[in-house]
Amino acid sequence: MTSEAIAAPPQDREEQRHPFVSLLIHAALIAAAILMLYPLLWMLSASLRPESEIFGSTSLWPSSISFDSFIDGWYALSLPFGRFFTNSFVIAILSVIGNVLSCSLAAFAFARLEFWGKRFWFALMLGTLMLPYHVVLIPQYVLFLKLDWVNTFLPLVVPKFLAHDAFFIFLMVQFFRGIPRELDEAAMMDGCSPWRIYWKIMLPLSLPVLTTAAIFSFIWTWDDFFGPLIYLNDIRNYTVQLGLRSFVDSTGDSDWGGLFAMSLLSLVPVFVFFLAFQRLLIEGIATTGMKR
């Protein structure tokens, strides 16, 4: 290799790459993308074909296109499937609001305020990240049962307003530490209280990390199956995930066409939510933990 090739910048080396190598790289990436998207494409194909053909072929092209699975699946259960969408939206939106507000307050306290045992409480909070959810499941269920909250949305929503998710606290603490403290000092000289510093300075400057927390909170809450399965017993309170489970009957009489059709519809809110805020999500991940 000549000294000119060694000293060439990365852009020049990429231009010197043989076209056949670039073609192979792009072909491999396209093949990997198709491989990962195949289950989703097959589900789309299965929702558009007659139920008798769903498990009869692995082809992505149905012999005939029919939207009956969407219509029948929407009204297949004792309640319209829109009821489950409404319940999931209520729980997800309240969870997003609770996580963003409570976790940002806790993160502001750890990142900006001084109080007794700050390092100890922060380490204890981080320790909860390694605690499996199943360890505290029974004590939490007993607590919510005594409060008469079982079969309501409260066990799924109220903990979010109490800084329940340590991951988001840690994420916001790392972001808040990258904001110059001189802003706090200048605001204090102007007579601002810690609450005004949090509300007027920290939150407007932390939009990327708040959006990141909101997106992950929405996706995790929307896709949660175990929590609603434990606390919700009435079909009128079912979320989308519990509604999808209702299509599969243990006796063998299952509506697979309706299941795939409603599963496809359940992906739309997550996809739209992510697509609308993906720029802020990438910005939040890229800037979290940066040092000034």
Protein backbone atom coordinates (compact mmCIF):
# COMPACT_ATOMS: atom_id res chain seq x y z
CA MET A 1 0.00 0.00 0.00
CA THR A 2 1.41 3.39 -0.98
CA SER A 3 1.93 6.26 1.41
CA GLU A 4 -0.74 8.26 -0.45
CA ALA A 5 -3.35 5.55 0.21
CA ILE A 6 -2.38 5.39 3.88
CA ALA A 7 -2.61 9.15 4.27
CA ALA A 8 -5.88 9.42 2.38
CA PRO A 9 -8.87 10.55 4.45
CA PRO A 10 -11.75 8.12 5.08
CA GLN A 11 -13.85 9.73 2.33
CA ASP A 12 -11.14 9.09 -0.27
CA ARG A 13 -10.64 5.49 0.86
CA GLU A 14 -14.38 4.90 0.47
CA GLU A 15 -14.25 6.31 -3.05
CA GLN A 16 -11.35 3.94 -3.85
CA ARG A 17 -13.39 0.93 -2.74
CA HIS A 18 -14.23 -1.43 -5.58
CA PRO A 19 -17.86 -1.13 -6.75
CA PHE A 20 -18.30 -4.90 -6.41
CA VAL A 21 -17.41 -4.72 -2.69
CA SER A 22 -19.98 -1.97 -2.14
CA LEU A 23 -22.55 -4.03 -4.00
CA LEU A 24 -21.90 -7.03 -1.76
CA ILE A 25 -22.17 -4.91 1.39
CA HIS A 26 -25.50 -3.40 0.30
CA ALA A 27 -26.84 -6.80 -0.74
CA ALA A 28 -25.94 -8.26 2.66
CA LEU A 29 -27.63 -5.35 4.46
CA ILE A 30 -30.78 -5.70 2.35
CA ALA A 31 -30.89 -9.46 2.98
CA ALA A 32 -30.52 -8.91 6.73
CA ALA A 33 -33.30 -6.30 6.67
CA ILE A 34 -35.63 -8.65 4.79
CA LEU A 35 -34.82 -11.45 7.23
CA MET A 36 -35.74 -9.27 10.22
CA LEU A 37 -38.87 -7.90 8.55
CA TYR A 38 -40.11 -11.29 7.33
CA PRO A 39 -42.20 -12.10 10.48
CA LEU A 40 -43.91 -8.70 10.25
CA LEU A 41 -44.52 -9.07 6.52
CA TRP A 42 -45.87 -12.57 7.04
CA MET A 43 -48.27 -11.29 9.70
CA LEU A 44 -49.47 -8.63 7.27
CA SER A 45 -49.96 -11.30 4.59
CA ALA A 46 -51.77 -13.61 7.04
CA SER A 47 -54.19 -10.85 8.03
CA LEU A 48 -55.13 -10.30 4.38
CA ARG A 49 -55.66 -13.93 3.32
CA PRO A 50 -58.51 -16.35 4.13
CA GLU A 51 -58.05 -18.07 7.49
CA SER A 52 -57.95 -21.48 5.85
CA GLU A 53 -54.73 -20.48 4.06
CA ILE A 54 -52.90 -18.82 6.97
CA PHE A 55 -50.82 -21.83 8.01
CA GLY A 56 -50.89 -23.54 4.64
CA SER A 57 -48.11 -21.49 3.03
CA THR A 58 -45.00 -19.53 3.98
CA SER A 59 -45.36 -17.28 0.93
CA LEU A 60 -45.81 -13.57 1.47
CA TRP A 61 -48.26 -13.30 -1.43
CA PRO A 62 -51.84 -14.33 -0.57
CA SER A 63 -53.88 -16.07 -3.21
CA SER A 64 -56.68 -13.56 -2.59
CA ILE A 65 -56.83 -10.35 -0.58
CA SER A 66 -59.62 -9.95 1.93
CA PHE A 67 -60.15 -7.44 4.76
CA ASP A 68 -62.68 -9.63 6.55
CA SER A 69 -60.15 -10.45 9.30
CA PHE A 70 -59.97 -6.77 10.29
CA ILE A 71 -63.73 -6.37 10.39
CA ASP A 72 -64.41 -9.69 12.12
CA GLY A 73 -61.49 -9.25 14.52
CA TRP A 74 -62.67 -5.81 15.59
CA TYR A 75 -66.03 -7.25 16.71
CA ALA A 76 -64.97 -10.83 17.49
CA LEU A 77 -65.02 -10.41 21.27
CA SER A 78 -67.86 -9.35 23.54
CA LEU A 79 -66.64 -5.74 23.25
CA PRO A 80 -65.35 -3.86 20.19
CA PHE A 81 -61.58 -3.91 20.04
CA GLY A 82 -61.59 -0.12 20.16
CA ARG A 83 -62.39 -0.39 23.88
CA PHE A 84 -59.05 -2.13 24.45
CA PHE A 85 -57.25 0.55 22.44
CA THR A 86 -58.87 3.22 24.61
CA ASN A 87 -57.80 1.48 27.82
CA SER A 88 -54.24 1.07 26.58
CA PHE A 89 -54.06 4.72 25.52
CA VAL A 90 -55.32 5.90 28.92
CA ILE A 91 -52.77 3.79 30.79
CA ALA A 92 -49.91 4.65 28.41
CA ILE A 93 -50.53 8.41 28.37
CA LEU A 94 -50.89 8.61 32.16
CA SER A 95 -47.74 6.53 32.55
CA VAL A 96 -45.82 8.86 30.24
CA ILE A 97 -46.97 11.94 32.16
CA GLY A 98 -46.19 10.31 35.51
CA ASN A 99 -42.75 9.08 34.50
CA VAL A 100 -41.66 12.35 32.92
CA LEU A 101 -42.79 14.50 35.86
CA SER A 102 -41.79 12.32 38.81
CA CYS A 103 -38.53 10.98 37.38
CA SER A 104 -37.40 14.44 36.27
CA LEU A 105 -38.09 15.79 39.78
CA ALA A 106 -36.11 12.98 41.38
CA ALA A 107 -33.29 13.40 38.85
CA PHE A 108 -33.18 17.15 39.50
CA ALA A 109 -32.82 16.49 43.22
CA PHE A 110 -29.96 14.03 42.70
CA ALA A 111 -28.18 16.18 40.11
CA ARG A 112 -28.63 19.68 41.52
CA LEU A 113 -29.64 19.66 45.19
CA GLU A 114 -27.59 18.83 48.27
CA PHE A 115 -29.22 16.81 51.04
CA TRP A 116 -28.22 14.28 53.69
CA GLY A 117 -27.41 10.80 52.37
CA LYS A 118 -27.56 11.87 48.73
CA ARG A 119 -24.94 9.36 47.54
CA PHE A 120 -26.49 6.57 49.60
CA TRP A 121 -30.00 7.14 48.26
CA PHE A 122 -28.70 7.42 44.71
CA ALA A 123 -26.82 4.12 45.05
CA LEU A 124 -29.93 2.53 46.57
CA MET A 125 -31.99 3.79 43.63
CA LEU A 126 -29.51 2.30 41.18
CA GLY A 127 -29.66 -0.97 43.11
CA THR A 128 -33.34 -1.29 42.31
CA LEU A 129 -32.39 -1.62 38.63
CA MET A 130 -30.94 -5.05 39.44
CA LEU A 131 -34.02 -6.15 41.38
CA PRO A 132 -36.29 -8.44 39.30
CA TYR A 133 -39.89 -7.33 39.03
CA HIS A 134 -41.11 -10.75 40.16
CA VAL A 135 -39.41 -10.34 43.53
CA VAL A 136 -41.75 -7.52 44.57
CA LEU A 137 -44.80 -8.79 42.69
CA ILE A 138 -46.52 -10.53 45.61
CA PRO A 139 -45.97 -7.71 48.18
CA GLN A 140 -47.22 -5.17 45.66
CA TYR A 141 -50.27 -7.26 44.82
CA VAL A 142 -51.12 -7.66 48.52
CA LEU A 143 -50.74 -3.89 49.01
CA PHE A 144 -52.95 -3.02 46.05
CA LEU A 145 -55.48 -5.66 47.08
CA LYS A 146 -55.80 -4.11 50.55
CA LEU A 147 -56.22 -0.70 48.92
CA ASP A 148 -59.00 -2.19 46.75
CA TRP A 149 -57.14 -1.18 43.60
CA VAL A 150 -57.17 -4.60 41.89
CA ASN A 151 -59.18 -4.65 38.66
CA THR A 152 -58.57 -0.92 38.17
CA PHE A 153 -55.93 1.09 36.31
CA LEU A 154 -54.47 2.46 39.55
CA PRO A 155 -51.80 -0.25 40.14
CA LEU A 156 -50.53 0.35 36.61
CA VAL A 157 -50.55 4.16 36.77
CA VAL A 158 -50.02 5.41 40.33
CA PRO A 159 -46.45 4.00 40.74
CA LYS A 160 -45.43 6.00 37.66
CA PHE A 161 -46.22 9.22 39.55
CA LEU A 162 -43.93 8.11 42.39
CA ALA A 163 -40.67 7.88 40.39
CA HIS A 164 -41.06 4.12 40.06
CA ASP A 165 -38.70 3.63 37.08
CA ALA A 166 -35.09 4.06 38.22
CA PHE A 167 -33.79 3.75 34.67
CA PHE A 168 -35.37 7.06 33.65
CA ILE A 169 -34.06 8.76 36.81
CA PHE A 170 -30.53 7.63 36.02
CA LEU A 171 -30.92 8.72 32.38
CA MET A 172 -32.08 12.21 33.38
CA VAL A 173 -29.44 12.60 36.10
CA GLN A 174 -26.73 12.04 33.51
CA PHE A 175 -28.30 14.65 31.24
CA PHE A 176 -28.86 17.22 34.01
CA ARG A 177 -25.22 16.95 35.07
CA GLY A 178 -24.20 18.11 31.60
CA ILE A 179 -26.11 21.40 31.96
CA PRO A 180 -23.80 24.16 33.29
CA ARG A 181 -24.34 24.97 36.95
CA GLU A 182 -23.70 28.63 36.21
CA LEU A 183 -27.30 28.81 35.00
CA ASP A 184 -28.51 27.72 38.44
CA GLU A 185 -26.26 30.22 40.20
CA ALA A 186 -27.40 33.07 37.98
CA ALA A 187 -31.04 32.15 38.58
CA MET A 188 -30.49 31.98 42.35
CA MET A 189 -28.94 35.45 42.28
CA ASP A 190 -32.13 36.65 40.60
CA GLY A 191 -34.17 35.13 43.42
CA CYS A 192 -35.31 31.89 41.80
CA SER A 193 -36.23 29.01 44.08
CA PRO A 194 -35.18 25.41 43.28
CA TRP A 195 -38.67 24.78 41.95
CA ARG A 196 -38.44 27.70 39.50
CA ILE A 197 -34.97 26.58 38.43
CA TYR A 198 -36.38 23.13 37.72
CA TRP A 199 -39.46 24.41 35.88
CA LYS A 200 -38.04 27.41 34.03
CA ILE A 201 -34.47 26.29 33.27
CA MET A 202 -33.95 22.53 33.54
CA LEU A 203 -37.08 21.30 31.80
CA PRO A 204 -36.83 23.57 28.71
CA LEU A 205 -33.15 22.59 28.28
CA SER A 206 -33.89 18.88 28.78
CA LEU A 207 -36.43 18.32 26.01
CA PRO A 208 -34.35 15.59 24.27
CA VAL A 209 -33.99 13.39 27.36
CA LEU A 210 -37.61 13.99 28.40
CA THR A 211 -38.73 12.90 24.94
CA THR A 212 -36.52 9.82 25.17
CA ALA A 213 -38.10 8.88 28.49
CA ALA A 214 -41.58 9.53 27.11
CA ILE A 215 -41.05 7.32 24.04
CA PHE A 216 -39.62 4.39 25.98
CA SER A 217 -42.29 4.74 28.66
CA PHE A 218 -45.06 4.71 26.04
CA ILE A 219 -43.64 1.69 24.20
CA TRP A 220 -42.98 -0.33 27.36
CA THR A 221 -46.41 0.45 28.80
CA TRP A 222 -48.21 -0.24 25.52
CA ASP A 223 -46.45 -3.60 25.12
CA ASP A 224 -46.80 -4.61 28.77
CA PHE A 225 -48.66 -7.88 29.15
CA PHE A 226 -47.71 -9.16 32.59
CA GLY A 227 -48.88 -6.15 34.63
CA PRO A 228 -52.41 -5.96 33.15
CA LEU A 229 -52.65 -9.76 33.32
CA ILE A 230 -52.08 -9.64 37.09
CA TYR A 231 -54.26 -6.67 38.01
CA LEU A 232 -57.07 -6.57 35.43
CA ASN A 233 -59.82 -9.20 35.58
CA ASP A 234 -62.80 -7.50 33.92
CA ILE A 235 -62.79 -7.61 30.12
CA ARG A 236 -64.04 -4.02 30.10
CA ASN A 237 -60.67 -2.97 31.56
CA TYR A 238 -58.54 -5.12 29.27
CA THR A 239 -55.64 -3.56 27.41
CA VAL A 240 -54.72 -4.35 23.80
CA GLN A 241 -52.32 -7.10 24.86
CA LEU A 242 -54.97 -8.88 26.94
CA GLY A 243 -57.46 -8.41 24.12
CA LEU A 244 -55.07 -10.14 21.71
CA ARG A 245 -54.69 -13.04 24.12
CA SER A 246 -58.46 -13.48 24.10
CA PHE A 247 -58.36 -14.52 20.44
CA VAL A 248 -56.49 -17.71 21.39
CA ASP A 249 -58.72 -20.28 23.05
CA SER A 250 -57.17 -23.07 25.11
CA THR A 251 -59.78 -25.47 23.74
CA GLY A 252 -58.36 -25.03 20.25
CA ASP A 253 -61.05 -22.78 18.76
CA SER A 254 -58.93 -19.71 17.94
CA ASP A 255 -59.50 -16.80 15.58
CA TRP A 256 -56.06 -16.54 13.99
CA GLY A 257 -57.13 -14.15 11.25
CA GLY A 258 -58.55 -11.69 13.75
CA LEU A 259 -55.49 -12.13 15.99
CA PHE A 260 -53.05 -11.21 13.22
CA ALA A 261 -55.21 -8.34 12.00
CA MET A 262 -55.54 -6.78 15.46
CA SER A 263 -51.85 -7.43 16.18
CA LEU A 264 -51.00 -5.44 13.09
CA LEU A 265 -53.24 -2.58 14.20
CA SER A 266 -51.67 -2.63 17.67
CA LEU A 267 -48.29 -1.81 16.11
CA VAL A 268 -49.58 1.38 14.48
CA PRO A 269 -49.63 3.64 17.61
CA VAL A 270 -46.09 2.60 18.60
CA PHE A 271 -44.81 3.15 15.06
CA VAL A 272 -46.47 6.56 14.74
CA PHE A 273 -45.31 7.67 18.21
CA PHE A 274 -41.74 6.65 17.47
CA LEU A 275 -41.77 8.17 13.98
CA ALA A 276 -43.05 11.51 15.28
CA PHE A 277 -40.34 11.87 17.93
CA GLN A 278 -37.42 9.90 16.52
CA ARG A 279 -35.28 13.02 15.99
CA LEU A 280 -35.54 14.02 19.63
CA LEU A 281 -35.01 10.41 20.68
CA ILE A 282 -31.72 10.16 18.78
CA GLU A 283 -30.64 13.56 20.07
CA GLY A 284 -31.44 12.58 23.64
CA ILE A 285 -29.49 9.32 23.44
CA ALA A 286 -26.55 11.06 21.76
CA THR A 287 -26.29 13.88 24.32
CA THR A 288 -27.11 12.01 27.53
CA GLY A 289 -24.03 11.79 29.73
CA MET A 290 -21.99 14.36 27.76
CA LYS A 291 -19.67 16.45 29.86
CA ARG A 292 -19.47 20.17 29.49
